[in-house]
Amino acid sequence: VWSVNLDKQNLESICQVNQTVVNCFSKKIETVAPDTFINYRENLVEISLSENSITKLEPGTFSAFTNLKSLSVYKNNLTILPVDLIDSENSL
């Protein structure tokens, strides 16, 4: 069984990506680098990381995403989410 370490270099080859939505549903992802989505931060409305094997998300991974409305992380191995995972200015 292979696993994926998601980062900004491989994001587009692993996930379905357009200017407003990133869909990484069920891609065997174990880790997500904090700067993975940085190139899309101004336009992203939705990110799906559901049904993967993610155990941890770093603080600030989703900060500065002013238009983010939906973040799906269900069916992962997360036990805790950092308080500063998203920016307090975010409308999520």
N, C-alpha and C. Protein backbone atom coordinates (compact mmCIF):
# COMPACT_ATOMS: atom_id res chain seq x y z
N VAL A 1 0.84 -1.18 0.00
CA VAL A 1 0.00 0.00 0.00
C VAL A 1 0.89 1.24 0.00
N TRP A 2 0.67 2.13 -0.93
CA TRP A 2 1.45 3.36 -1.02
C TRP A 2 0.71 4.50 -0.33
N SER A 3 1.45 5.51 0.04
CA SER A 3 0.85 6.68 0.66
C SER A 3 1.42 7.93 0.02
N VAL A 4 0.73 9.04 0.22
CA VAL A 4 1.10 10.29 -0.44
C VAL A 4 1.39 11.35 0.61
N ASN A 5 2.46 12.09 0.38
CA ASN A 5 2.77 13.28 1.16
C ASN A 5 2.45 14.46 0.26
N LEU A 6 1.34 15.11 0.52
CA LEU A 6 0.85 16.18 -0.34
C LEU A 6 1.60 17.48 -0.09
N ASP A 7 2.05 18.13 -1.17
CA ASP A 7 2.68 19.43 -1.06
C ASP A 7 2.37 20.25 -2.31
N LYS A 8 2.86 21.49 -2.37
CA LYS A 8 2.49 22.36 -3.49
C LYS A 8 3.07 21.89 -4.81
N GLN A 9 4.14 21.09 -4.80
CA GLN A 9 4.71 20.59 -6.04
C GLN A 9 3.88 19.47 -6.66
N ASN A 10 3.24 18.64 -5.85
CA ASN A 10 2.48 17.51 -6.40
C ASN A 10 0.96 17.67 -6.30
N LEU A 11 0.49 18.78 -5.79
CA LEU A 11 -0.94 18.99 -5.59
C LEU A 11 -1.74 18.75 -6.87
N GLU A 12 -1.36 19.37 -7.96
CA GLU A 12 -2.14 19.27 -9.19
C GLU A 12 -2.06 17.89 -9.85
N SER A 13 -1.03 17.13 -9.58
CA SER A 13 -0.95 15.79 -10.15
C SER A 13 -1.71 14.75 -9.33
N ILE A 14 -2.00 15.05 -8.08
CA ILE A 14 -2.69 14.10 -7.20
C ILE A 14 -4.18 14.42 -7.07
N CYS A 15 -4.50 15.69 -6.99
CA CYS A 15 -5.87 16.12 -6.73
C CYS A 15 -6.48 16.78 -7.96
N GLN A 16 -7.81 16.87 -7.94
CA GLN A 16 -8.51 17.65 -8.97
C GLN A 16 -8.50 19.09 -8.49
N VAL A 17 -7.96 19.98 -9.32
CA VAL A 17 -7.76 21.36 -8.91
C VAL A 17 -8.29 22.31 -9.97
N ASN A 18 -9.07 23.29 -9.52
CA ASN A 18 -9.37 24.43 -10.38
C ASN A 18 -9.19 25.68 -9.51
N GLN A 19 -9.53 26.82 -9.98
CA GLN A 19 -9.25 28.05 -9.24
C GLN A 19 -10.01 28.18 -7.92
N THR A 20 -11.16 27.52 -7.78
CA THR A 20 -11.95 27.67 -6.56
C THR A 20 -12.10 26.40 -5.73
N VAL A 21 -11.81 25.24 -6.31
CA VAL A 21 -12.02 23.97 -5.61
C VAL A 21 -10.80 23.07 -5.74
N VAL A 22 -10.41 22.46 -4.62
CA VAL A 22 -9.39 21.41 -4.61
C VAL A 22 -10.05 20.17 -4.04
N ASN A 23 -10.07 19.11 -4.84
CA ASN A 23 -10.68 17.86 -4.42
C ASN A 23 -9.60 16.78 -4.32
N CYS A 24 -9.27 16.42 -3.07
CA CYS A 24 -8.27 15.39 -2.80
C CYS A 24 -8.94 14.20 -2.11
N PHE A 25 -10.17 13.95 -2.46
CA PHE A 25 -10.96 12.88 -1.86
C PHE A 25 -10.34 11.52 -2.15
N SER A 26 -10.07 10.76 -1.11
CA SER A 26 -9.63 9.37 -1.20
C SER A 26 -8.39 9.19 -2.10
N LYS A 27 -7.31 9.89 -1.76
CA LYS A 27 -6.07 9.83 -2.55
C LYS A 27 -4.91 9.23 -1.76
N LYS A 28 -5.20 8.56 -0.64
CA LYS A 28 -4.18 7.92 0.20
C LYS A 28 -3.17 8.92 0.78
N ILE A 29 -3.63 10.11 1.07
CA ILE A 29 -2.76 11.16 1.61
C ILE A 29 -2.52 10.93 3.10
N GLU A 30 -1.26 10.98 3.51
CA GLU A 30 -0.90 10.85 4.92
C GLU A 30 -0.50 12.17 5.53
N THR A 31 0.19 13.01 4.76
CA THR A 31 0.62 14.30 5.28
C THR A 31 0.27 15.41 4.30
N VAL A 32 0.09 16.60 4.85
CA VAL A 32 -0.20 17.80 4.05
C VAL A 32 0.78 18.88 4.50
N ALA A 33 1.66 19.29 3.60
CA ALA A 33 2.61 20.36 3.94
C ALA A 33 1.84 21.67 4.17
N PRO A 34 2.27 22.48 5.13
CA PRO A 34 1.54 23.72 5.45
C PRO A 34 1.36 24.68 4.29
N ASP A 35 2.26 24.65 3.30
CA ASP A 35 2.14 25.59 2.18
C ASP A 35 1.53 24.96 0.92
N THR A 36 0.91 23.81 1.06
CA THR A 36 0.36 23.07 -0.09
C THR A 36 -0.57 23.91 -0.95
N PHE A 37 -1.46 24.66 -0.34
CA PHE A 37 -2.51 25.38 -1.08
C PHE A 37 -2.21 26.86 -1.27
N ILE A 38 -1.00 27.29 -0.94
CA ILE A 38 -0.65 28.71 -0.90
C ILE A 38 -0.87 29.44 -2.23
N ASN A 39 -0.66 28.77 -3.35
CA ASN A 39 -0.83 29.41 -4.65
C ASN A 39 -2.30 29.67 -5.00
N TYR A 40 -3.21 29.10 -4.22
CA TYR A 40 -4.64 29.23 -4.48
C TYR A 40 -5.37 30.00 -3.38
N ARG A 41 -4.63 30.56 -2.44
CA ARG A 41 -5.23 31.11 -1.21
C ARG A 41 -6.25 32.22 -1.45
N GLU A 42 -6.13 32.98 -2.53
CA GLU A 42 -7.05 34.09 -2.75
C GLU A 42 -8.39 33.66 -3.33
N ASN A 43 -8.42 32.53 -4.05
CA ASN A 43 -9.64 32.14 -4.75
C ASN A 43 -10.33 30.88 -4.23
N LEU A 44 -9.64 30.08 -3.45
CA LEU A 44 -10.23 28.82 -3.02
C LEU A 44 -11.49 29.02 -2.18
N VAL A 45 -12.52 28.27 -2.54
CA VAL A 45 -13.78 28.29 -1.81
C VAL A 45 -13.99 26.96 -1.08
N GLU A 46 -13.44 25.89 -1.64
CA GLU A 46 -13.67 24.55 -1.09
C GLU A 46 -12.42 23.69 -1.20
N ILE A 47 -12.12 22.97 -0.11
CA ILE A 47 -11.04 21.99 -0.09
C ILE A 47 -11.59 20.70 0.51
N SER A 48 -11.42 19.60 -0.21
CA SER A 48 -11.82 18.29 0.31
C SER A 48 -10.59 17.42 0.49
N LEU A 49 -10.35 17.04 1.72
CA LEU A 49 -9.27 16.11 2.06
C LEU A 49 -9.85 14.84 2.69
N SER A 50 -11.10 14.60 2.48
CA SER A 50 -11.81 13.49 3.13
C SER A 50 -11.37 12.12 2.61
N GLU A 51 -11.55 11.14 3.48
CA GLU A 51 -11.26 9.73 3.21
C GLU A 51 -9.81 9.50 2.78
N ASN A 52 -8.91 10.02 3.60
CA ASN A 52 -7.48 9.80 3.44
C ASN A 52 -6.93 9.20 4.72
N SER A 53 -5.66 9.32 4.95
CA SER A 53 -5.02 8.79 6.17
C SER A 53 -4.26 9.87 6.91
N ILE A 54 -4.76 11.09 6.86
CA ILE A 54 -4.09 12.23 7.48
C ILE A 54 -4.18 12.11 9.01
N THR A 55 -3.05 12.25 9.67
CA THR A 55 -3.02 12.14 11.13
C THR A 55 -2.86 13.49 11.80
N LYS A 56 -2.35 14.49 11.04
CA LYS A 56 -2.07 15.78 11.66
C LYS A 56 -2.12 16.87 10.59
N LEU A 57 -2.65 18.02 10.96
CA LEU A 57 -2.60 19.21 10.12
C LEU A 57 -1.87 20.29 10.90
N GLU A 58 -0.89 20.91 10.27
CA GLU A 58 -0.07 21.90 10.94
C GLU A 58 -0.83 23.21 11.16
N PRO A 59 -0.53 23.92 12.24
CA PRO A 59 -1.13 25.24 12.46
C PRO A 59 -0.88 26.16 11.26
N GLY A 60 -1.88 26.92 10.90
CA GLY A 60 -1.75 27.88 9.82
C GLY A 60 -1.90 27.31 8.42
N THR A 61 -2.13 26.01 8.29
CA THR A 61 -2.24 25.40 6.96
C THR A 61 -3.30 26.07 6.11
N PHE A 62 -4.37 26.52 6.73
CA PHE A 62 -5.47 27.14 5.97
C PHE A 62 -5.67 28.60 6.33
N SER A 63 -4.64 29.24 6.89
CA SER A 63 -4.76 30.66 7.20
C SER A 63 -4.55 31.47 5.92
N ALA A 64 -5.06 32.66 5.90
CA ALA A 64 -4.99 33.58 4.75
C ALA A 64 -5.87 33.14 3.59
N PHE A 65 -6.82 32.26 3.84
CA PHE A 65 -7.78 31.84 2.81
C PHE A 65 -9.08 32.60 3.07
N THR A 66 -9.17 33.80 2.56
CA THR A 66 -10.28 34.68 2.89
C THR A 66 -11.62 34.24 2.30
N ASN A 67 -11.61 33.44 1.23
CA ASN A 67 -12.86 33.01 0.59
C ASN A 67 -13.24 31.56 0.88
N LEU A 68 -12.45 30.86 1.68
CA LEU A 68 -12.72 29.46 1.97
C LEU A 68 -14.02 29.30 2.73
N LYS A 69 -14.94 28.52 2.16
CA LYS A 69 -16.26 28.30 2.77
C LYS A 69 -16.42 26.87 3.27
N SER A 70 -15.68 25.93 2.68
CA SER A 70 -15.86 24.52 3.03
C SER A 70 -14.51 23.82 3.11
N LEU A 71 -14.27 23.16 4.23
CA LEU A 71 -13.07 22.34 4.43
C LEU A 71 -13.53 20.99 4.95
N SER A 72 -13.39 19.96 4.12
CA SER A 72 -13.83 18.61 4.50
C SER A 72 -12.63 17.75 4.85
N VAL A 73 -12.64 17.22 6.07
CA VAL A 73 -11.54 16.35 6.52
C VAL A 73 -12.08 15.07 7.17
N TYR A 74 -13.33 14.73 6.89
CA TYR A 74 -13.90 13.55 7.53
C TYR A 74 -13.24 12.26 7.03
N LYS A 75 -13.33 11.22 7.83
CA LYS A 75 -12.74 9.92 7.57
C LYS A 75 -11.23 10.00 7.31
N ASN A 76 -10.53 10.60 8.26
CA ASN A 76 -9.08 10.61 8.31
C ASN A 76 -8.69 10.06 9.68
N ASN A 77 -7.44 10.15 10.01
CA ASN A 77 -6.96 9.68 11.32
C ASN A 77 -6.59 10.84 12.22
N LEU A 78 -7.29 11.95 12.08
CA LEU A 78 -7.04 13.13 12.89
C LEU A 78 -7.59 12.93 14.29
N THR A 79 -6.79 13.26 15.28
CA THR A 79 -7.26 13.18 16.66
C THR A 79 -7.41 14.56 17.28
N ILE A 80 -6.73 15.55 16.68
CA ILE A 80 -6.79 16.91 17.20
C ILE A 80 -6.57 17.88 16.03
N LEU A 81 -7.24 19.01 16.11
CA LEU A 81 -7.01 20.08 15.14
C LEU A 81 -6.44 21.27 15.88
N PRO A 82 -5.36 21.86 15.38
CA PRO A 82 -4.78 23.02 16.07
C PRO A 82 -5.74 24.20 16.06
N VAL A 83 -5.72 24.98 17.12
CA VAL A 83 -6.59 26.13 17.25
C VAL A 83 -6.40 27.11 16.10
N ASP A 84 -5.16 27.30 15.67
CA ASP A 84 -4.87 28.25 14.60
C ASP A 84 -4.71 27.58 13.23
N LEU A 85 -5.48 26.54 12.99
CA LEU A 85 -5.46 25.87 11.69
C LEU A 85 -5.92 26.81 10.59
N ILE A 86 -6.94 27.62 10.90
CA ILE A 86 -7.42 28.63 9.95
C ILE A 86 -7.30 30.00 10.60
N ASP A 87 -7.32 31.01 9.79
CA ASP A 87 -7.21 32.40 10.25
C ASP A 87 -8.53 32.83 10.87
N SER A 88 -8.50 33.60 11.92
CA SER A 88 -9.72 34.04 12.58
C SER A 88 -10.55 34.97 11.69
N GLU A 89 -9.93 35.53 10.66
CA GLU A 89 -10.64 36.39 9.71
C GLU A 89 -11.43 35.59 8.68
N ASN A 90 -11.19 34.29 8.62
CA ASN A 90 -11.81 33.43 7.62
C ASN A 90 -13.29 33.26 7.92
N SER A 91 -14.09 33.12 6.88
CA SER A 91 -15.53 32.96 7.05
C SER A 91 -15.95 31.50 7.14
N LEU A 92 -14.99 30.60 7.24
CA LEU A 92 -15.27 29.17 7.31
C LEU A 92 -16.10 28.83 8.53
